[in-house]
């Protein structure tokens, strides 16, 4: 009886820890995929961001190009139901201040 109860508790604990571990892994995969997709968006736009997300077994939830109040690319990526948002800025396109008009 004690052995069966101990085994049942161990199986339950392994199941809970497995689900928790998978959720942590999915969250980290989504974070990394969103960061890489945001960087790809700087140089290739939405099509590159989508391609990079798909290469990382993720889907692109949303994509926003830079606007006046928000001068950055915003990319949302979904990995098995876990969504993460990342931002990237294209600093090469910012004008360089000079002394001449």
C-alpha atoms as a PDB file:
ATOM      1  CA  UNK A   1       0.000   0.000   0.000  1.00  0.00           C
ATOM      2  CA  UNK A   2       2.753   2.461   0.968  1.00  0.00           C
ATOM      3  CA  UNK A   3       4.788   1.630  -2.124  1.00  0.00           C
ATOM      4  CA  UNK A   4       1.784   2.181  -4.407  1.00  0.00           C
ATOM      5  CA  UNK A   5       0.957   5.496  -2.740  1.00  0.00           C
ATOM      6  CA  UNK A   6       4.578   6.646  -2.986  1.00  0.00           C
ATOM      7  CA  UNK A   7       4.689   5.673  -6.640  1.00  0.00           C
ATOM      8  CA  UNK A   8       1.445   7.536  -7.345  1.00  0.00           C
ATOM      9  CA  UNK A   9       2.775  10.688  -5.668  1.00  0.00           C
ATOM     10  CA  UNK A  10       6.046  10.455  -7.623  1.00  0.00           C
ATOM     11  CA  UNK A  11       4.191  10.061 -10.917  1.00  0.00           C
ATOM     12  CA  UNK A  12       2.049  13.078 -10.069  1.00  0.00           C
ATOM     13  CA  UNK A  13       5.107  15.186  -9.160  1.00  0.00           C
ATOM     14  CA  UNK A  14       6.938  14.207 -12.351  1.00  0.00           C
ATOM     15  CA  UNK A  15       3.864  15.147 -14.395  1.00  0.00           C
ATOM     16  CA  UNK A  16       3.574  18.570 -12.723  1.00  0.00           C
ATOM     17  CA  UNK A  17       7.286  19.330 -13.061  1.00  0.00           C
ATOM     18  CA  UNK A  18       7.216  18.212 -16.693  1.00  0.00           C
ATOM     19  CA  UNK A  19       4.367  20.599 -17.547  1.00  0.00           C
ATOM     20  CA  UNK A  20       6.079  23.444 -15.665  1.00  0.00           C
ATOM     21  CA  UNK A  21       9.391  22.737 -17.422  1.00  0.00           C
ATOM     22  CA  UNK A  22       7.715  22.710 -20.838  1.00  0.00           C
ATOM     23  CA  UNK A  23       6.066  26.058 -20.086  1.00  0.00           C
ATOM     24  CA  UNK A  24       9.448  27.554 -19.137  1.00  0.00           C
ATOM     25  CA  UNK A  25      11.071  26.200 -22.286  1.00  0.00           C
ATOM     26  CA  UNK A  26       8.252  27.557 -24.488  1.00  0.00           C
ATOM     27  CA  UNK A  27       8.539  30.976 -22.839  1.00  0.00           C
ATOM     28  CA  UNK A  28      12.286  31.106 -23.469  1.00  0.00           C
ATOM     29  CA  UNK A  29      11.894  29.908 -27.067  1.00  0.00           C
ATOM     30  CA  UNK A  30       9.250  32.589 -27.665  1.00  0.00           C
ATOM     31  CA  UNK A  31      11.495  35.288 -26.165  1.00  0.00           C
ATOM     32  CA  UNK A  32      14.464  34.328 -28.311  1.00  0.00           C
ATOM     33  CA  UNK A  33      12.370  33.954 -31.482  1.00  0.00           C
ATOM     34  CA  UNK A  34      10.744  37.364 -30.945  1.00  0.00           C
ATOM     35  CA  UNK A  35      14.108  39.072 -30.435  1.00  0.00           C
ATOM     36  CA  UNK A  36      15.603  37.512 -33.547  1.00  0.00           C
ATOM     37  CA  UNK A  37      12.468  38.308 -35.571  1.00  0.00           C
ATOM     38  CA  UNK A  38      12.561  41.946 -34.435  1.00  0.00           C
ATOM     39  CA  UNK A  39      16.180  42.242 -35.556  1.00  0.00           C
ATOM     40  CA  UNK A  40      15.315  40.621 -38.883  1.00  0.00           C
ATOM     41  CA  UNK A  41      12.458  43.122 -39.303  1.00  0.00           C
ATOM     42  CA  UNK A  42      14.935  46.009 -39.131  1.00  0.00           C
ATOM     43  CA  UNK A  43      16.710  44.781 -42.243  1.00  0.00           C
ATOM     44  CA  UNK A  44      13.975  42.945 -44.139  1.00  0.00           C
ATOM     45  CA  UNK A  45      10.595  44.090 -42.895  1.00  0.00           C
ATOM     46  CA  UNK A  46       7.650  41.872 -42.057  1.00  0.00           C
ATOM     47  CA  UNK A  47       8.513  39.152 -44.574  1.00  0.00           C
ATOM     48  CA  UNK A  48      11.935  38.549 -42.993  1.00  0.00           C
ATOM     49  CA  UNK A  49      10.464  38.631 -39.489  1.00  0.00           C
ATOM     50  CA  UNK A  50       7.872  36.026 -40.497  1.00  0.00           C
ATOM     51  CA  UNK A  51      10.522  33.850 -42.180  1.00  0.00           C
ATOM     52  CA  UNK A  52      12.765  33.911 -39.091  1.00  0.00           C
ATOM     53  CA  UNK A  53       9.823  33.156 -36.787  1.00  0.00           C
ATOM     54  CA  UNK A  54       8.836  30.160 -38.915  1.00  0.00           C
ATOM     55  CA  UNK A  55      12.450  28.940 -38.936  1.00  0.00           C
ATOM     56  CA  UNK A  56      12.235  28.876 -35.130  1.00  0.00           C
ATOM     57  CA  UNK A  57       8.945  26.904 -35.136  1.00  0.00           C
ATOM     58  CA  UNK A  58       6.977  29.989 -34.107  1.00  0.00           C
ATOM     59  CA  UNK A  59       4.247  32.121 -35.643  1.00  0.00           C
ATOM     60  CA  UNK A  60       4.195  35.882 -36.010  1.00  0.00           C
ATOM     61  CA  UNK A  61       1.240  37.249 -33.977  1.00  0.00           C
ATOM     62  CA  UNK A  62       1.683  40.904 -34.830  1.00  0.00           C
ATOM     63  CA  UNK A  63       4.091  43.242 -36.540  1.00  0.00           C
ATOM     64  CA  UNK A  64       4.358  47.024 -36.252  1.00  0.00           C
ATOM     65  CA  UNK A  65       6.674  49.221 -38.269  1.00  0.00           C
ATOM     66  CA  UNK A  66       8.170  52.366 -36.735  1.00  0.00           C
ATOM     67  CA  UNK A  67       5.872  55.373 -36.448  1.00  0.00           C
ATOM     68  CA  UNK A  68       6.430  58.903 -35.188  1.00  0.00           C
ATOM     69  CA  UNK A  69       5.571  58.310 -31.521  1.00  0.00           C
ATOM     70  CA  UNK A  70       7.153  54.822 -31.472  1.00  0.00           C
ATOM     71  CA  UNK A  71      10.390  54.764 -33.514  1.00  0.00           C
ATOM     72  CA  UNK A  72      10.963  51.003 -33.299  1.00  0.00           C
ATOM     73  CA  UNK A  73       9.875  47.737 -34.885  1.00  0.00           C
ATOM     74  CA  UNK A  74       7.590  45.697 -32.629  1.00  0.00           C
ATOM     75  CA  UNK A  75       7.207  41.972 -33.207  1.00  0.00           C
ATOM     76  CA  UNK A  76       4.991  39.511 -31.327  1.00  0.00           C
ATOM     77  CA  UNK A  77       5.784  35.801 -31.660  1.00  0.00           C
ATOM     78  CA  UNK A  78       3.774  32.777 -30.486  1.00  0.00           C
ATOM     79  CA  UNK A  79       5.362  29.448 -29.529  1.00  0.00           C
ATOM     80  CA  UNK A  80       2.832  26.784 -28.524  1.00  0.00           C
ATOM     81  CA  UNK A  81       0.479  29.354 -26.979  1.00  0.00           C
ATOM     82  CA  UNK A  82       3.184  31.450 -25.305  1.00  0.00           C
ATOM     83  CA  UNK A  83       3.520  34.952 -26.735  1.00  0.00           C
ATOM     84  CA  UNK A  84       6.407  37.390 -26.359  1.00  0.00           C
ATOM     85  CA  UNK A  85       6.939  40.892 -27.766  1.00  0.00           C
ATOM     86  CA  UNK A  86      10.299  42.394 -28.714  1.00  0.00           C
ATOM     87  CA  UNK A  87      11.383  45.754 -30.086  1.00  0.00           C
ATOM     88  CA  UNK A  88      14.274  46.721 -32.336  1.00  0.00           C
ATOM     89  CA  UNK A  89      15.528  50.079 -33.603  1.00  0.00           C
ATOM     90  CA  UNK A  90      17.313  50.808 -36.856  1.00  0.00           C
ATOM     91  CA  UNK A  91      19.973  53.254 -35.684  1.00  0.00           C
ATOM     92  CA  UNK A  92      21.596  53.469 -39.123  1.00  0.00           C
ATOM     93  CA  UNK A  93      18.658  55.423 -40.524  1.00  0.00           C
ATOM     94  CA  UNK A  94      18.738  58.089 -37.815  1.00  0.00           C
ATOM     95  CA  UNK A  95      20.148  61.339 -39.168  1.00  0.00           C
ATOM     96  CA  UNK A  96      23.622  62.231 -37.989  1.00  0.00           C
ATOM     97  CA  UNK A  97      23.838  65.815 -36.712  1.00  0.00           C
ATOM     98  CA  UNK A  98      26.271  67.971 -38.649  1.00  0.00           C
ATOM     99  CA  UNK A  99      27.415  71.575 -38.415  1.00  0.00           C
ATOM    100  CA  UNK A 100      26.263  72.447 -41.905  1.00  0.00           C
ATOM    101  CA  UNK A 101      22.613  73.284 -42.660  1.00  0.00           C
END
